[in-house]
PDB file of N, CA and C in Angstrom:
ATOM      1  N   PHE A   1     -14.226 -41.845  12.443  1.00  0.00           N
ATOM      2  CA  PHE A   1     -15.109 -41.168  11.513  1.00  0.00           C
ATOM      3  C   PHE A   1     -14.296 -40.426  10.471  1.00  0.00           C
ATOM      4  N   GLU A   2     -14.934 -40.198   9.322  1.00  0.00           N
ATOM      5  CA  GLU A   2     -14.330 -39.437   8.238  1.00  0.00           C
ATOM      6  C   GLU A   2     -15.452 -38.711   7.490  1.00  0.00           C
ATOM      7  N   ASN A   3     -15.095 -37.879   6.545  1.00  0.00           N
ATOM      8  CA  ASN A   3     -16.073 -37.133   5.744  1.00  0.00           C
ATOM      9  C   ASN A   3     -17.069 -36.377   6.622  1.00  0.00           C
ATOM     10  N   PHE A   4     -16.558 -35.517   7.467  1.00  0.00           N
ATOM     11  CA  PHE A   4     -17.423 -34.727   8.341  1.00  0.00           C
ATOM     12  C   PHE A   4     -18.175 -33.674   7.538  1.00  0.00           C
ATOM     13  N   LYS A   5     -19.455 -33.482   7.860  1.00  0.00           N
ATOM     14  CA  LYS A   5     -20.297 -32.493   7.179  1.00  0.00           C
ATOM     15  C   LYS A   5     -20.954 -31.587   8.219  1.00  0.00           C
ATOM     16  N   PRO A   6     -20.391 -30.397   8.440  1.00  0.00           N
ATOM     17  CA  PRO A   6     -21.022 -29.464   9.372  1.00  0.00           C
ATOM     18  C   PRO A   6     -22.068 -28.612   8.654  1.00  0.00           C
ATOM     19  N   ALA A   7     -23.085 -28.187   9.374  1.00  0.00           N
ATOM     20  CA  ALA A   7     -24.103 -27.279   8.836  1.00  0.00           C
ATOM     21  C   ALA A   7     -24.510 -26.322   9.946  1.00  0.00           C
ATOM     22  N   THR A   8     -24.707 -25.059   9.582  1.00  0.00           N
ATOM     23  CA  THR A   8     -25.164 -24.063  10.552  1.00  0.00           C
ATOM     24  C   THR A   8     -26.370 -23.329   9.998  1.00  0.00           C
ATOM     25  N   SER A   9     -27.195 -22.815  10.908  1.00  0.00           N
ATOM     26  CA  SER A   9     -28.350 -22.005  10.517  1.00  0.00           C
ATOM     27  C   SER A   9     -28.749 -21.139  11.706  1.00  0.00           C
ATOM     28  N   SER A  10     -29.726 -20.285  11.504  1.00  0.00           N
ATOM     29  CA  SER A  10     -30.271 -19.415  12.557  1.00  0.00           C
ATOM     30  C   SER A  10     -29.178 -18.634  13.285  1.00  0.00           C
ATOM     31  N   LYS A  11     -28.303 -18.015  12.487  1.00  0.00           N
ATOM     32  CA  LYS A  11     -27.198 -17.251  13.068  1.00  0.00           C
ATOM     33  C   LYS A  11     -27.708 -15.931  13.645  1.00  0.00           C
ATOM     34  N   ASN A  12     -27.197 -15.553  14.832  1.00  0.00           N
ATOM     35  CA  ASN A  12     -27.600 -14.321  15.488  1.00  0.00           C
ATOM     36  C   ASN A  12     -26.380 -13.695  16.165  1.00  0.00           C
ATOM     37  N   ILE A  13     -26.177 -12.388  15.952  1.00  0.00           N
ATOM     38  CA  ILE A  13     -25.091 -11.652  16.594  1.00  0.00           C
ATOM     39  C   ILE A  13     -25.700 -10.475  17.330  1.00  0.00           C
ATOM     40  N   GLN A  14     -25.317 -10.326  18.592  1.00  0.00           N
ATOM     41  CA  GLN A  14     -25.823  -9.228  19.401  1.00  0.00           C
ATOM     42  C   GLN A  14     -24.642  -8.553  20.102  1.00  0.00           C
ATOM     43  N   LEU A  15     -24.470  -7.248  19.843  1.00  0.00           N
ATOM     44  CA  LEU A  15     -23.443  -6.490  20.549  1.00  0.00           C
ATOM     45  C   LEU A  15     -23.959  -6.193  21.945  1.00  0.00           C
ATOM     46  N   THR A  16     -23.173  -6.535  22.957  1.00  0.00           N
ATOM     47  CA  THR A  16     -23.605  -6.336  24.338  1.00  0.00           C
ATOM     48  C   THR A  16     -22.807  -5.229  25.019  1.00  0.00           C
ATOM     49  N   GLY A  17     -21.963  -4.570  24.272  1.00  0.00           N
ATOM     50  CA  GLY A  17     -21.138  -3.484  24.777  1.00  0.00           C
ATOM     51  C   GLY A  17     -20.178  -3.045  23.693  1.00  0.00           C
ATOM     52  N   LYS A  18     -19.347  -2.066  24.015  1.00  0.00           N
ATOM     53  CA  LYS A  18     -18.389  -1.551  23.029  1.00  0.00           C
ATOM     54  C   LYS A  18     -17.407  -2.618  22.561  1.00  0.00           C
ATOM     55  N   ASP A  19     -17.033  -3.511  23.469  1.00  0.00           N
ATOM     56  CA  ASP A  19     -16.029  -4.523  23.129  1.00  0.00           C
ATOM     57  C   ASP A  19     -16.466  -5.942  23.491  1.00  0.00           C
ATOM     58  N   ARG A  20     -17.791  -6.154  23.486  1.00  0.00           N
ATOM     59  CA  ARG A  20     -18.330  -7.493  23.786  1.00  0.00           C
ATOM     60  C   ARG A  20     -19.490  -7.816  22.849  1.00  0.00           C
ATOM     61  N   ALA A  21     -19.642  -9.105  22.552  1.00  0.00           N
ATOM     62  CA  ALA A  21     -20.733  -9.559  21.696  1.00  0.00           C
ATOM     63  C   ALA A  21     -21.112 -10.990  22.057  1.00  0.00           C
ATOM     64  N   GLU A  22     -22.327 -11.346  21.747  1.00  0.00           N
ATOM     65  CA  GLU A  22     -22.833 -12.713  21.916  1.00  0.00           C
ATOM     66  C   GLU A  22     -23.254 -13.225  20.536  1.00  0.00           C
ATOM     67  N   VAL A  23     -22.818 -14.413  20.199  1.00  0.00           N
ATOM     68  CA  VAL A  23     -23.148 -15.040  18.918  1.00  0.00           C
ATOM     69  C   VAL A  23     -23.814 -16.371  19.219  1.00  0.00           C
ATOM     70  N   SER A  24     -24.918 -16.649  18.528  1.00  0.00           N
ATOM     71  CA  SER A  24     -25.547 -17.966  18.672  1.00  0.00           C
ATOM     72  C   SER A  24     -25.931 -18.487  17.294  1.00  0.00           C
ATOM     73  N   PHE A  25     -25.907 -19.801  17.157  1.00  0.00           N
ATOM     74  CA  PHE A  25     -26.295 -20.429  15.899  1.00  0.00           C
ATOM     75  C   PHE A  25     -26.598 -21.901  16.140  1.00  0.00           C
ATOM     76  N   PHE A  26     -27.449 -22.456  15.293  1.00  0.00           N
ATOM     77  CA  PHE A  26     -27.752 -23.878  15.327  1.00  0.00           C
ATOM     78  C   PHE A  26     -26.632 -24.598  14.589  1.00  0.00           C
ATOM     79  N   HIS A  27     -26.135 -25.694  15.154  1.00  0.00           N
ATOM     80  CA  HIS A  27     -25.013 -26.427  14.564  1.00  0.00           C
ATOM     81  C   HIS A  27     -25.334 -27.923  14.527  1.00  0.00           C
ATOM     82  N   ARG A  28     -25.075 -28.523  13.383  1.00  0.00           N
ATOM     83  CA  ARG A  28     -25.267 -29.976  13.219  1.00  0.00           C
ATOM     84  C   ARG A  28     -24.024 -30.530  12.538  1.00  0.00           C
ATOM     85  N   LEU A  29     -23.522 -31.662  13.055  1.00  0.00           N
ATOM     86  CA  LEU A  29     -22.345 -32.303  12.482  1.00  0.00           C
ATOM     87  C   LEU A  29     -22.647 -33.768  12.209  1.00  0.00           C
ATOM     88  N   VAL A  30     -22.407 -34.175  10.969  1.00  0.00           N
ATOM     89  CA  VAL A  30     -22.620 -35.561  10.539  1.00  0.00           C
ATOM     90  C   VAL A  30     -21.275 -36.105  10.065  1.00  0.00           C
ATOM     91  N   GLY A  31     -20.986 -37.355  10.398  1.00  0.00           N
ATOM     92  CA  GLY A  31     -19.756 -37.997   9.961  1.00  0.00           C
ATOM     93  C   GLY A  31     -20.041 -39.397   9.450  1.00  0.00           C
ATOM     94  N   THR A  32     -19.135 -39.896   8.635  1.00  0.00           N
ATOM     95  CA  THR A  32     -19.248 -41.257   8.101  1.00  0.00           C
ATOM     96  C   THR A  32     -18.301 -42.161   8.886  1.00  0.00           C
ATOM     97  N   SER A  33     -18.843 -43.250   9.432  1.00  0.00           N
ATOM     98  CA  SER A  33     -17.993 -44.172  10.195  1.00  0.00           C
ATOM     99  C   SER A  33     -17.056 -44.907   9.233  1.00  0.00           C
ATOM    100  N   LYS A  34     -15.809 -45.081   9.659  1.00  0.00           N
ATOM    101  CA  LYS A  34     -14.818 -45.727   8.798  1.00  0.00           C
ATOM    102  C   LYS A  34     -15.147 -47.192   8.558  1.00  0.00           C
ATOM    103  N   GLY A  35     -15.597 -47.884   9.589  1.00  0.00           N
ATOM    104  CA  GLY A  35     -15.863 -49.317   9.456  1.00  0.00           C
ATOM    105  C   GLY A  35     -17.104 -49.620   8.631  1.00  0.00           C
ATOM    106  N   ALA A  36     -18.242 -49.096   9.033  1.00  0.00           N
ATOM    107  CA  ALA A  36     -19.518 -49.430   8.384  1.00  0.00           C
ATOM    108  C   ALA A  36     -19.799 -48.551   7.173  1.00  0.00           C
ATOM    109  N   GLY A  37     -19.192 -47.372   7.127  1.00  0.00           N
ATOM    110  CA  GLY A  37     -19.429 -46.477   5.999  1.00  0.00           C
ATOM    111  C   GLY A  37     -20.795 -45.800   6.034  1.00  0.00           C
ATOM    112  N   THR A  38     -21.424 -45.789   7.191  1.00  0.00           N
ATOM    113  CA  THR A  38     -22.745 -45.168   7.308  1.00  0.00           C
ATOM    114  C   THR A  38     -22.623 -43.792   7.959  1.00  0.00           C
ATOM    115  N   GLU A  39     -23.537 -42.901   7.568  1.00  0.00           N
ATOM    116  CA  GLU A  39     -23.557 -41.569   8.154  1.00  0.00           C
ATOM    117  C   GLU A  39     -24.217 -41.605   9.525  1.00  0.00           C
ATOM    118  N   GLN A  40     -23.640 -40.841  10.455  1.00  0.00           N
ATOM    119  CA  GLN A  40     -24.191 -40.733  11.800  1.00  0.00           C
ATOM    120  C   GLN A  40     -24.183 -39.277  12.217  1.00  0.00           C
ATOM    121  N   GLU A  41     -25.231 -38.860  12.899  1.00  0.00           N
ATOM    122  CA  GLU A  41     -25.247 -37.517  13.463  1.00  0.00           C
ATOM    123  C   GLU A  41     -24.374 -37.526  14.714  1.00  0.00           C
ATOM    124  N   LEU A  42     -23.374 -36.667  14.745  1.00  0.00           N
ATOM    125  CA  LEU A  42     -22.439 -36.624  15.862  1.00  0.00           C
ATOM    126  C   LEU A  42     -22.764 -35.499  16.842  1.00  0.00           C
ATOM    127  N   SER A  43     -23.372 -34.444  16.347  1.00  0.00           N
ATOM    128  CA  SER A  43     -23.671 -33.289  17.174  1.00  0.00           C
ATOM    129  C   SER A  43     -24.863 -32.556  16.579  1.00  0.00           C
ATOM    130  N   ASN A  44     -25.747 -32.062  17.460  1.00  0.00           N
ATOM    131  CA  ASN A  44     -26.938 -31.360  16.999  1.00  0.00           C
ATOM    132  C   ASN A  44     -27.407 -30.456  18.135  1.00  0.00           C
ATOM    133  N   GLY A  45     -27.308 -29.149  17.955  1.00  0.00           N
ATOM    134  CA  GLY A  45     -27.745 -28.244  19.009  1.00  0.00           C
ATOM    135  C   GLY A  45     -27.376 -26.807  18.720  1.00  0.00           C
ATOM    136  N   THR A  46     -27.418 -25.988  19.753  1.00  0.00           N
ATOM    137  CA  THR A  46     -27.149 -24.571  19.620  1.00  0.00           C
ATOM    138  C   THR A  46     -25.804 -24.223  20.246  1.00  0.00           C
ATOM    139  N   MET A  47     -24.996 -23.489  19.504  1.00  0.00           N
ATOM    140  CA  MET A  47     -23.719 -22.971  19.985  1.00  0.00           C
ATOM    141  C   MET A  47     -23.920 -21.536  20.422  1.00  0.00           C
ATOM    142  N   GLN A  48     -23.318 -21.164  21.544  1.00  0.00           N
ATOM    143  CA  GLN A  48     -23.331 -19.784  22.011  1.00  0.00           C
ATOM    144  C   GLN A  48     -21.894 -19.383  22.300  1.00  0.00           C
ATOM    145  N   TRP A  49     -21.446 -18.315  21.648  1.00  0.00           N
ATOM    146  CA  TRP A  49     -20.098 -17.809  21.837  1.00  0.00           C
ATOM    147  C   TRP A  49     -20.164 -16.447  22.506  1.00  0.00           C
ATOM    148  N   SER A  50     -19.301 -16.212  23.477  1.00  0.00           N
ATOM    149  CA  SER A  50     -19.102 -14.877  24.052  1.00  0.00           C
ATOM    150  C   SER A  50     -17.800 -14.353  23.454  1.00  0.00           C
ATOM    151  N   LEU A  51     -17.871 -13.181  22.833  1.00  0.00           N
ATOM    152  CA  LEU A  51     -16.710 -12.590  22.176  1.00  0.00           C
ATOM    153  C   LEU A  51     -16.257 -11.338  22.913  1.00  0.00           C
ATOM    154  N   GLU A  52     -14.941 -11.099  22.912  1.00  0.00           N
ATOM    155  CA  GLU A  52     -14.369  -9.897  23.493  1.00  0.00           C
ATOM    156  C   GLU A  52     -13.390  -9.301  22.495  1.00  0.00           C
ATOM    157  N   LYS A  53     -13.465  -7.998  22.321  1.00  0.00           N
ATOM    158  CA  LYS A  53     -12.537  -7.327  21.423  1.00  0.00           C
ATOM    159  C   LYS A  53     -11.243  -7.060  22.175  1.00  0.00           C
ATOM    160  N   GLN A  54     -10.148  -7.485  21.576  1.00  0.00           N
ATOM    161  CA  GLN A  54      -8.826  -7.282  22.164  1.00  0.00           C
ATOM    162  C   GLN A  54      -7.958  -6.610  21.112  1.00  0.00           C
ATOM    163  N   GLY A  55      -7.777  -5.312  21.254  1.00  0.00           N
ATOM    164  CA  GLY A  55      -7.031  -4.562  20.242  1.00  0.00           C
ATOM    165  C   GLY A  55      -7.868  -4.435  18.985  1.00  0.00           C
ATOM    166  N   ASP A  56      -7.306  -4.869  17.864  1.00  0.00           N
ATOM    167  CA  ASP A  56      -8.004  -4.780  16.584  1.00  0.00           C
ATOM    168  C   ASP A  56      -8.778  -6.044  16.226  1.00  0.00           C
ATOM    169  N   SER A  57      -8.710  -7.073  17.070  1.00  0.00           N
ATOM    170  CA  SER A  57      -9.370  -8.331  16.710  1.00  0.00           C
ATOM    171  C   SER A  57     -10.320  -8.794  17.818  1.00  0.00           C
ATOM    172  N   TRP A  58     -11.185  -9.708  17.460  1.00  0.00           N
ATOM    173  CA  TRP A  58     -12.146 -10.302  18.403  1.00  0.00           C
ATOM    174  C   TRP A  58     -11.656 -11.692  18.781  1.00  0.00           C
ATOM    175  N   LYS A  59     -11.826 -12.045  20.044  1.00  0.00           N
ATOM    176  CA  LYS A  59     -11.428 -13.360  20.557  1.00  0.00           C
ATOM    177  C   LYS A  59     -12.650 -14.032  21.172  1.00  0.00           C
ATOM    178  N   ILE A  60     -12.750 -15.341  21.007  1.00  0.00           N
ATOM    179  CA  ILE A  60     -13.815 -16.104  21.659  1.00  0.00           C
ATOM    180  C   ILE A  60     -13.402 -16.312  23.107  1.00  0.00           C
ATOM    181  N   ALA A  61     -14.205 -15.787  24.039  1.00  0.00           N
ATOM    182  CA  ALA A  61     -13.894 -15.906  25.457  1.00  0.00           C
ATOM    183  C   ALA A  61     -14.569 -17.121  26.093  1.00  0.00           C
ATOM    184  N   LYS A  62     -15.701 -17.540  25.518  1.00  0.00           N
ATOM    185  CA  LYS A  62     -16.450 -18.655  26.106  1.00  0.00           C
ATOM    186  C   LYS A  62     -17.299 -19.309  25.015  1.00  0.00           C
ATOM    187  N   ILE A  63     -17.376 -20.632  25.064  1.00  0.00           N
ATOM    188  CA  ILE A  63     -18.228 -21.396  24.151  1.00  0.00           C
ATOM    189  C   ILE A  63     -19.124 -22.302  24.982  1.00  0.00           C
ATOM    190  N   VAL A  64     -20.426 -22.239  24.707  1.00  0.00           N
ATOM    191  CA  VAL A  64     -21.388 -23.113  25.383  1.00  0.00           C
ATOM    192  C   VAL A  64     -22.176 -23.842  24.306  1.00  0.00           C
ATOM    193  N   PHE A  65     -22.279 -25.159  24.421  1.00  0.00           N
ATOM    194  CA  PHE A  65     -23.071 -25.968  23.483  1.00  0.00           C
ATOM    195  C   PHE A  65     -24.291 -26.503  24.216  1.00  0.00           C
ATOM    196  N   GLN A  66     -25.465 -26.243  23.667  1.00  0.00           N
ATOM    197  CA  GLN A  66     -26.717 -26.733  24.235  1.00  0.00           C
ATOM    198  C   GLN A  66     -27.280 -27.788  23.278  1.00  0.00           C
ATOM    199  N   PRO A  67     -27.145 -29.086  23.620  1.00  0.00           N
ATOM    200  CA  PRO A  67     -27.646 -30.127  22.713  1.00  0.00           C
ATOM    201  C   PRO A  67     -29.168 -30.082  22.584  1.00  0.00           C
ATOM    202  N   MET A  68     -29.634 -30.492  21.405  1.00  0.00           N
ATOM    203  CA  MET A  68     -31.085 -30.611  21.178  1.00  0.00           C
ATOM    204  C   MET A  68     -31.579 -31.779  22.024  1.00  0.00           C
ATOM    205  N   LYS A  69     -32.739 -31.618  22.584  1.00  0.00           N
ATOM    206  CA  LYS A  69     -33.338 -32.703  23.352  1.00  0.00           C
ATOM    207  C   LYS A  69     -33.907 -33.743  22.399  1.00  0.00           C
ATOM    208  N   ASN A  70     -33.642 -34.990  22.678  1.00  0.00           N
ATOM    209  CA  ASN A  70     -34.122 -36.086  21.861  1.00  0.00           C
ATOM    210  C   ASN A  70     -35.425 -36.584  22.457  1.00  0.00           C
ATOM    211  N   ASP A  71     -36.523 -36.490  21.713  1.00  0.00           N
ATOM    212  CA  ASP A  71     -37.850 -36.883  22.224  1.00  0.00           C
ATOM    213  C   ASP A  71     -38.130 -38.372  22.096  1.00  0.00           C
ATOM    214  N   SER A  72     -37.199 -39.119  21.566  1.00  0.00           N
ATOM    215  CA  SER A  72     -37.465 -40.553  21.381  1.00  0.00           C
ATOM    216  C   SER A  72     -37.166 -41.368  22.599  1.00  0.00           C
TER     217      SER A  72
END
């Protein structure tokens, strides 16, 4: 694949403590196949990040991806 096109929406940040936070957002990734040259959806769902403050910066401690259910 080439020409990746990521898109995000519905961003939400929630502080869960002095040095912890939860971030969630909808994420969709589309790419163009090298052979056929057609666009394909590669990823579609919700990302959830657990963040921890370490010193002066924040680090991602955990990433969970929840794919959208396909009704077809």
